[in-house]
Amino acid sequence: MQLHPDGQATQRTVLDALEAKYPMLRGTIRDHGTQQRRPFVRFFACGEDLSHEPPDTLLPEMVANGAEPFFIIGAIAGG
């Protein structure tokens, strides 16, 4: 799926665009109040874990221009 975030491509603008297109996802990836990434959710792009990057850090150019995907992965835990 392709999203067209407002402004530059950052985690925040991508997640804002995703939640605008799919409102049922609000609160599942980020906390409603703090907008912080939920535990056990990870962000990846261009082979890198971007989960601990600040939300307004620019995403890699290859993601911004649509050549590479931005992955949102829910961690699977259990024994």
N, C-alpha and C. Protein backbone atom coordinates (compact mmCIF):
# COMPACT_ATOMS: atom_id res chain seq x y z
N MET A 1 0.84 -1.15 0.00
CA MET A 1 0.00 0.00 0.00
C MET A 1 0.90 1.23 0.00
N GLN A 2 0.54 2.21 -0.75
CA GLN A 2 1.29 3.45 -0.75
C GLN A 2 0.51 4.52 -0.02
N LEU A 3 1.23 5.26 0.79
CA LEU A 3 0.65 6.39 1.51
C LEU A 3 1.33 7.65 1.03
N HIS A 4 0.65 8.75 1.15
CA HIS A 4 1.22 10.03 0.76
C HIS A 4 1.15 10.97 1.97
N PRO A 5 2.20 10.91 2.81
CA PRO A 5 2.18 11.74 4.01
C PRO A 5 2.27 13.22 3.68
N ASP A 6 1.72 14.04 4.57
CA ASP A 6 1.85 15.49 4.43
C ASP A 6 3.26 15.89 4.82
N GLY A 7 3.92 16.63 3.98
CA GLY A 7 5.27 17.08 4.29
C GLY A 7 6.30 16.01 4.04
N GLN A 8 7.39 16.09 4.77
CA GLN A 8 8.49 15.15 4.59
C GLN A 8 8.13 13.80 5.20
N ALA A 9 8.76 12.75 4.68
CA ALA A 9 8.49 11.39 5.16
C ALA A 9 9.25 11.12 6.45
N THR A 10 8.52 11.09 7.55
CA THR A 10 9.05 10.73 8.86
C THR A 10 8.15 9.64 9.42
N GLN A 11 8.59 9.01 10.49
CA GLN A 11 7.70 8.03 11.13
C GLN A 11 6.37 8.68 11.48
N ARG A 12 6.42 9.88 12.02
CA ARG A 12 5.19 10.56 12.45
C ARG A 12 4.26 10.82 11.26
N THR A 13 4.77 11.36 10.15
CA THR A 13 3.89 11.69 9.03
C THR A 13 3.35 10.42 8.36
N VAL A 14 4.16 9.37 8.32
CA VAL A 14 3.69 8.11 7.74
C VAL A 14 2.59 7.51 8.62
N LEU A 15 2.80 7.48 9.93
CA LEU A 15 1.79 6.93 10.83
C LEU A 15 0.54 7.81 10.85
N ASP A 16 0.69 9.13 10.76
CA ASP A 16 -0.48 10.01 10.67
C ASP A 16 -1.30 9.69 9.42
N ALA A 17 -0.62 9.51 8.29
CA ALA A 17 -1.31 9.19 7.03
C ALA A 17 -1.98 7.81 7.12
N LEU A 18 -1.30 6.84 7.72
CA LEU A 18 -1.85 5.50 7.87
C LEU A 18 -3.11 5.54 8.74
N GLU A 19 -3.05 6.24 9.86
CA GLU A 19 -4.20 6.32 10.76
C GLU A 19 -5.34 7.14 10.16
N ALA A 20 -5.02 8.11 9.31
CA ALA A 20 -6.08 8.87 8.63
C ALA A 20 -6.81 7.99 7.62
N LYS A 21 -6.06 7.14 6.94
CA LYS A 21 -6.66 6.25 5.94
C LYS A 21 -7.38 5.08 6.59
N TYR A 22 -6.85 4.59 7.71
CA TYR A 22 -7.42 3.46 8.43
C TYR A 22 -7.61 3.84 9.90
N PRO A 23 -8.67 4.57 10.22
CA PRO A 23 -8.87 5.07 11.59
C PRO A 23 -8.93 3.97 12.65
N MET A 24 -9.29 2.76 12.25
CA MET A 24 -9.36 1.67 13.23
C MET A 24 -7.99 1.31 13.78
N LEU A 25 -6.91 1.78 13.17
CA LEU A 25 -5.55 1.51 13.66
C LEU A 25 -5.11 2.51 14.74
N ARG A 26 -5.86 3.59 14.92
CA ARG A 26 -5.48 4.58 15.93
C ARG A 26 -5.40 3.92 17.30
N GLY A 27 -4.27 4.13 17.94
CA GLY A 27 -4.06 3.57 19.27
C GLY A 27 -3.44 2.18 19.26
N THR A 28 -3.33 1.55 18.11
CA THR A 28 -2.73 0.21 18.07
C THR A 28 -1.23 0.25 17.83
N ILE A 29 -0.76 1.23 17.08
CA ILE A 29 0.66 1.35 16.78
C ILE A 29 1.31 2.34 17.75
N ARG A 30 0.59 3.40 18.05
CA ARG A 30 1.05 4.44 18.98
C ARG A 30 0.00 4.64 20.06
N ASP A 31 0.46 5.04 21.24
CA ASP A 31 -0.43 5.37 22.34
C ASP A 31 -1.25 6.61 21.96
N HIS A 32 -2.55 6.60 22.29
CA HIS A 32 -3.42 7.74 21.96
C HIS A 32 -2.91 9.05 22.53
N GLY A 33 -2.55 9.05 23.80
CA GLY A 33 -2.17 10.29 24.46
C GLY A 33 -0.77 10.76 24.16
N THR A 34 0.19 9.86 24.31
CA THR A 34 1.60 10.28 24.18
C THR A 34 2.13 10.19 22.76
N GLN A 35 1.45 9.46 21.89
CA GLN A 35 1.90 9.22 20.52
C GLN A 35 3.21 8.43 20.45
N GLN A 36 3.58 7.80 21.56
CA GLN A 36 4.78 6.97 21.60
C GLN A 36 4.48 5.60 21.01
N ARG A 37 5.48 5.02 20.37
CA ARG A 37 5.36 3.68 19.79
C ARG A 37 4.98 2.70 20.89
N ARG A 38 4.05 1.81 20.58
CA ARG A 38 3.64 0.79 21.54
C ARG A 38 4.77 -0.21 21.74
N PRO A 39 4.87 -0.79 22.95
CA PRO A 39 5.87 -1.85 23.14
C PRO A 39 5.57 -2.99 22.19
N PHE A 40 6.56 -3.67 21.78
CA PHE A 40 6.47 -4.83 20.89
C PHE A 40 6.11 -4.47 19.45
N VAL A 41 6.06 -3.19 19.11
CA VAL A 41 5.90 -2.77 17.72
C VAL A 41 7.24 -2.23 17.27
N ARG A 42 7.67 -2.66 16.10
CA ARG A 42 8.97 -2.24 15.57
C ARG A 42 8.82 -1.67 14.18
N PHE A 43 9.70 -0.73 13.82
CA PHE A 43 9.72 -0.10 12.51
C PHE A 43 11.04 -0.45 11.82
N PHE A 44 10.95 -0.86 10.56
CA PHE A 44 12.13 -1.22 9.79
C PHE A 44 12.06 -0.57 8.41
N ALA A 45 13.22 -0.20 7.88
CA ALA A 45 13.33 0.32 6.52
C ALA A 45 14.77 0.15 6.06
N CYS A 46 14.92 -0.25 4.82
CA CYS A 46 16.25 -0.39 4.21
C CYS A 46 17.17 -1.26 5.06
N GLY A 47 16.63 -2.32 5.63
CA GLY A 47 17.42 -3.25 6.42
C GLY A 47 17.83 -2.74 7.79
N GLU A 48 17.28 -1.63 8.23
CA GLU A 48 17.63 -1.05 9.53
C GLU A 48 16.43 -1.02 10.46
N ASP A 49 16.69 -1.21 11.75
CA ASP A 49 15.67 -1.08 12.78
C ASP A 49 15.58 0.40 13.15
N LEU A 50 14.47 1.02 12.83
CA LEU A 50 14.27 2.45 13.11
C LEU A 50 13.38 2.68 14.32
N SER A 51 13.13 1.63 15.08
CA SER A 51 12.18 1.69 16.18
C SER A 51 12.53 2.71 17.25
N HIS A 52 13.79 2.95 17.48
CA HIS A 52 14.20 3.85 18.56
C HIS A 52 14.61 5.24 18.05
N GLU A 53 14.38 5.48 16.78
CA GLU A 53 14.65 6.81 16.22
C GLU A 53 13.54 7.77 16.66
N PRO A 54 13.85 9.04 16.84
CA PRO A 54 12.79 10.01 17.16
C PRO A 54 11.75 10.04 16.03
N PRO A 55 10.48 10.26 16.35
CA PRO A 55 9.42 10.19 15.34
C PRO A 55 9.53 11.21 14.21
N ASP A 56 10.28 12.29 14.42
CA ASP A 56 10.39 13.30 13.37
C ASP A 56 11.68 13.20 12.57
N THR A 57 12.44 12.13 12.77
CA THR A 57 13.64 11.88 11.96
C THR A 57 13.21 11.52 10.54
N LEU A 58 13.87 12.10 9.56
CA LEU A 58 13.53 11.78 8.17
C LEU A 58 13.79 10.30 7.89
N LEU A 59 12.86 9.68 7.17
CA LEU A 59 13.06 8.30 6.73
C LEU A 59 14.06 8.28 5.58
N PRO A 60 14.71 7.13 5.34
CA PRO A 60 15.66 7.06 4.23
C PRO A 60 15.01 7.49 2.90
N GLU A 61 15.80 8.09 2.04
CA GLU A 61 15.31 8.60 0.76
C GLU A 61 14.61 7.52 -0.06
N MET A 62 15.13 6.29 -0.01
CA MET A 62 14.52 5.19 -0.77
C MET A 62 13.09 4.90 -0.29
N VAL A 63 12.82 5.13 0.98
CA VAL A 63 11.46 4.97 1.51
C VAL A 63 10.62 6.16 1.09
N ALA A 64 11.17 7.35 1.21
CA ALA A 64 10.44 8.57 0.88
C ALA A 64 9.99 8.59 -0.58
N ASN A 65 10.82 8.04 -1.47
CA ASN A 65 10.44 8.07 -2.89
C ASN A 65 9.69 6.82 -3.33
N GLY A 66 9.40 5.92 -2.40
CA GLY A 66 8.59 4.74 -2.70
C GLY A 66 9.34 3.55 -3.25
N ALA A 67 10.68 3.63 -3.32
CA ALA A 67 11.46 2.51 -3.86
C ALA A 67 11.62 1.38 -2.84
N GLU A 68 11.58 1.70 -1.56
CA GLU A 68 11.71 0.71 -0.48
C GLU A 68 10.53 0.85 0.47
N PRO A 69 10.08 -0.26 1.07
CA PRO A 69 8.95 -0.18 2.00
C PRO A 69 9.37 0.25 3.40
N PHE A 70 8.41 0.76 4.13
CA PHE A 70 8.54 1.04 5.56
C PHE A 70 7.70 -0.03 6.24
N PHE A 71 8.35 -0.87 7.03
CA PHE A 71 7.67 -2.00 7.68
C PHE A 71 7.29 -1.65 9.10
N ILE A 72 6.07 -1.99 9.48
CA ILE A 72 5.59 -1.89 10.85
C ILE A 72 5.31 -3.33 11.28
N ILE A 73 6.09 -3.82 12.23
CA ILE A 73 6.02 -5.23 12.62
C ILE A 73 5.62 -5.34 14.08
N GLY A 74 4.62 -6.14 14.35
CA GLY A 74 4.25 -6.47 15.71
C GLY A 74 5.08 -7.66 16.15
N ALA A 75 5.84 -7.50 17.22
CA ALA A 75 6.69 -8.57 17.71
C ALA A 75 5.86 -9.74 18.20
N ILE A 76 6.38 -10.93 18.00
CA ILE A 76 5.72 -12.13 18.47
C ILE A 76 6.56 -12.68 19.61
N ALA A 77 5.93 -12.87 20.76
CA ALA A 77 6.64 -13.37 21.93
C ALA A 77 5.88 -14.56 22.49
N GLY A 78 6.57 -15.35 23.18
CA GLY A 78 5.92 -16.49 23.82
C GLY A 78 6.88 -17.65 23.96
N GLY A 79 6.46 -18.63 24.67
CA GLY A 79 7.37 -19.72 24.95
C GLY A 79 6.90 -21.03 24.49
